[in-house]
Structure formats: C-alpha cells, structure tokens
Amino acid sequence: MKKIKVTQVKSPIRRPKNQKLTLQALGLRKMNQTVEHNATPSIIGMVNTVKHLISVEEV
C-alpha cells in the first residue's frame, strides 16, 4: 500500500469547524508537524478537504 506524508503548512485559525476537526483526525496539531498515513480512500478524502492547509508527498 502507498504511504503519504502530510505536513501542516497553514494555521486552522478562522477556518470552519469541519476543517479543524479533519486536521485533528489526520493527527496534525501544530504548524509544520508531519505525519505518515496509508493512502486509503478515506485518508485521501480527508486530505482533499484540507488541501489548502497542508502539503502532501508520496513516500
């Protein structure tokens, strides 16, 4: 299974609640924090929801 590396690059301040909760569900709590996830359809959907707040790269 493919893995992706997700890094938070923008702040969730003044964003809708669903975007803040999506960042938390991805495991992102601080700026410039990086987490790795398997590229499942549910994770890809979460990434698409907050794509303007994160950067994604394949591992």
N, C-alpha and C. Protein backbone atom coordinates (compact mmCIF):
# COMPACT_ATOMS: atom_id res chain seq x y z
N MET A 1 0.84 -1.18 0.00
CA MET A 1 0.00 0.00 0.00
C MET A 1 0.89 1.24 0.00
N LYS A 2 0.50 2.26 -0.75
CA LYS A 2 1.24 3.51 -0.80
C LYS A 2 1.13 4.25 0.53
N LYS A 3 2.16 4.99 0.84
CA LYS A 3 2.14 5.85 2.01
C LYS A 3 2.28 7.29 1.55
N ILE A 4 1.65 8.18 2.30
CA ILE A 4 1.78 9.60 2.02
C ILE A 4 2.26 10.31 3.28
N LYS A 5 3.00 11.39 3.09
CA LYS A 5 3.49 12.20 4.18
C LYS A 5 2.73 13.52 4.12
N VAL A 6 2.05 13.85 5.20
CA VAL A 6 1.20 15.04 5.26
C VAL A 6 1.81 16.02 6.26
N THR A 7 2.01 17.27 5.82
CA THR A 7 2.59 18.30 6.66
C THR A 7 1.64 19.50 6.70
N GLN A 8 1.38 19.99 7.92
CA GLN A 8 0.53 21.17 8.05
C GLN A 8 1.38 22.41 7.78
N VAL A 9 0.94 23.25 6.83
CA VAL A 9 1.71 24.44 6.47
C VAL A 9 0.96 25.75 6.75
N LYS A 10 -0.32 25.67 7.04
CA LYS A 10 -1.10 26.86 7.37
C LYS A 10 -1.91 26.60 8.63
N SER A 11 -2.26 27.68 9.30
CA SER A 11 -2.98 27.60 10.56
C SER A 11 -4.48 27.35 10.34
N PRO A 12 -5.12 26.59 11.24
CA PRO A 12 -6.56 26.39 11.13
C PRO A 12 -7.39 27.50 11.77
N ILE A 13 -6.72 28.56 12.23
CA ILE A 13 -7.45 29.68 12.84
C ILE A 13 -8.33 30.33 11.77
N ARG A 14 -9.55 30.67 12.15
CA ARG A 14 -10.54 31.27 11.26
C ARG A 14 -10.92 30.36 10.10
N ARG A 15 -10.95 29.07 10.35
CA ARG A 15 -11.40 28.09 9.36
C ARG A 15 -12.66 27.43 9.91
N PRO A 16 -13.49 26.84 9.04
CA PRO A 16 -14.69 26.15 9.51
C PRO A 16 -14.34 24.98 10.44
N LYS A 17 -15.26 24.66 11.31
CA LYS A 17 -15.03 23.62 12.31
C LYS A 17 -14.71 22.28 11.68
N ASN A 18 -15.34 21.95 10.55
CA ASN A 18 -15.07 20.65 9.94
C ASN A 18 -13.63 20.54 9.46
N GLN A 19 -13.02 21.65 9.04
CA GLN A 19 -11.63 21.61 8.62
C GLN A 19 -10.70 21.46 9.81
N LYS A 20 -11.02 22.10 10.92
CA LYS A 20 -10.21 21.95 12.14
C LYS A 20 -10.27 20.50 12.62
N LEU A 21 -11.45 19.91 12.61
CA LEU A 21 -11.60 18.53 13.06
C LEU A 21 -10.92 17.54 12.12
N THR A 22 -10.91 17.85 10.83
CA THR A 22 -10.23 16.99 9.87
C THR A 22 -8.72 16.99 10.12
N LEU A 23 -8.15 18.16 10.41
CA LEU A 23 -6.73 18.23 10.73
C LEU A 23 -6.42 17.41 11.97
N GLN A 24 -7.28 17.49 12.98
CA GLN A 24 -7.08 16.71 14.20
C GLN A 24 -7.18 15.22 13.92
N ALA A 25 -8.12 14.84 13.07
CA ALA A 25 -8.29 13.42 12.73
C ALA A 25 -7.09 12.89 11.95
N LEU A 26 -6.42 13.75 11.19
CA LEU A 26 -5.21 13.35 10.50
C LEU A 26 -4.01 13.28 11.44
N GLY A 27 -4.16 13.79 12.66
CA GLY A 27 -3.08 13.76 13.62
C GLY A 27 -2.21 14.99 13.60
N LEU A 28 -2.70 16.06 12.99
CA LEU A 28 -1.94 17.30 12.88
C LEU A 28 -2.43 18.27 13.94
N ARG A 29 -1.53 18.65 14.85
CA ARG A 29 -1.90 19.53 15.94
C ARG A 29 -1.13 20.85 15.90
N LYS A 30 0.07 20.87 15.31
CA LYS A 30 0.91 22.06 15.29
C LYS A 30 1.35 22.38 13.87
N MET A 31 1.80 23.60 13.68
CA MET A 31 2.35 24.01 12.39
C MET A 31 3.62 23.22 12.10
N ASN A 32 3.82 22.89 10.85
CA ASN A 32 4.99 22.16 10.35
C ASN A 32 5.12 20.75 10.93
N GLN A 33 4.07 20.23 11.53
CA GLN A 33 4.08 18.85 12.01
C GLN A 33 3.83 17.93 10.82
N THR A 34 4.53 16.78 10.80
CA THR A 34 4.40 15.83 9.70
C THR A 34 3.96 14.48 10.24
N VAL A 35 3.02 13.86 9.53
CA VAL A 35 2.57 12.51 9.87
C VAL A 35 2.53 11.68 8.59
N GLU A 36 2.65 10.36 8.75
CA GLU A 36 2.55 9.45 7.62
C GLU A 36 1.28 8.63 7.75
N HIS A 37 0.62 8.42 6.62
CA HIS A 37 -0.61 7.63 6.58
C HIS A 37 -0.56 6.73 5.35
N ASN A 38 -1.29 5.62 5.43
CA ASN A 38 -1.52 4.81 4.23
C ASN A 38 -2.49 5.57 3.34
N ALA A 39 -2.32 5.44 2.04
CA ALA A 39 -3.15 6.19 1.09
C ALA A 39 -4.46 5.46 0.83
N THR A 40 -5.31 5.40 1.86
CA THR A 40 -6.62 4.77 1.71
C THR A 40 -7.60 5.81 1.18
N PRO A 41 -8.73 5.38 0.63
CA PRO A 41 -9.70 6.36 0.12
C PRO A 41 -10.21 7.33 1.19
N SER A 42 -10.36 6.87 2.43
CA SER A 42 -10.84 7.78 3.47
C SER A 42 -9.80 8.85 3.81
N ILE A 43 -8.53 8.47 3.85
CA ILE A 43 -7.46 9.43 4.13
C ILE A 43 -7.34 10.42 2.97
N ILE A 44 -7.44 9.93 1.74
CA ILE A 44 -7.37 10.81 0.57
C ILE A 44 -8.51 11.82 0.59
N GLY A 45 -9.69 11.40 1.00
CA GLY A 45 -10.83 12.32 1.11
C GLY A 45 -10.60 13.39 2.16
N MET A 46 -9.99 13.00 3.29
CA MET A 46 -9.67 13.97 4.34
C MET A 46 -8.62 14.96 3.85
N VAL A 47 -7.64 14.46 3.12
CA VAL A 47 -6.59 15.33 2.57
C VAL A 47 -7.20 16.33 1.60
N ASN A 48 -8.14 15.89 0.77
CA ASN A 48 -8.78 16.80 -0.19
C ASN A 48 -9.60 17.88 0.51
N THR A 49 -10.14 17.57 1.69
CA THR A 49 -10.93 18.55 2.44
C THR A 49 -10.07 19.71 2.91
N VAL A 50 -8.82 19.43 3.30
CA VAL A 50 -7.95 20.47 3.86
C VAL A 50 -6.70 20.68 3.02
N LYS A 51 -6.81 20.47 1.71
CA LYS A 51 -5.63 20.54 0.84
C LYS A 51 -5.00 21.92 0.80
N HIS A 52 -5.73 22.98 1.16
CA HIS A 52 -5.19 24.33 1.17
C HIS A 52 -4.42 24.62 2.46
N LEU A 53 -4.47 23.72 3.45
CA LEU A 53 -3.78 23.92 4.72
C LEU A 53 -2.57 23.00 4.88
N ILE A 54 -2.39 22.05 3.96
CA ILE A 54 -1.35 21.04 4.12
C ILE A 54 -0.55 20.89 2.84
N SER A 55 0.57 20.20 2.95
CA SER A 55 1.30 19.77 1.78
C SER A 55 1.43 18.26 1.86
N VAL A 56 1.36 17.59 0.72
CA VAL A 56 1.36 16.13 0.66
C VAL A 56 2.44 15.67 -0.27
N GLU A 57 3.16 14.61 0.13
CA GLU A 57 4.14 13.99 -0.75
C GLU A 57 4.08 12.48 -0.55
N GLU A 58 4.36 11.74 -1.63
CA GLU A 58 4.36 10.30 -1.54
C GLU A 58 5.67 9.82 -0.98
N VAL A 59 5.59 8.73 -0.20
CA VAL A 59 6.79 8.16 0.39
C VAL A 59 7.13 6.85 -0.32
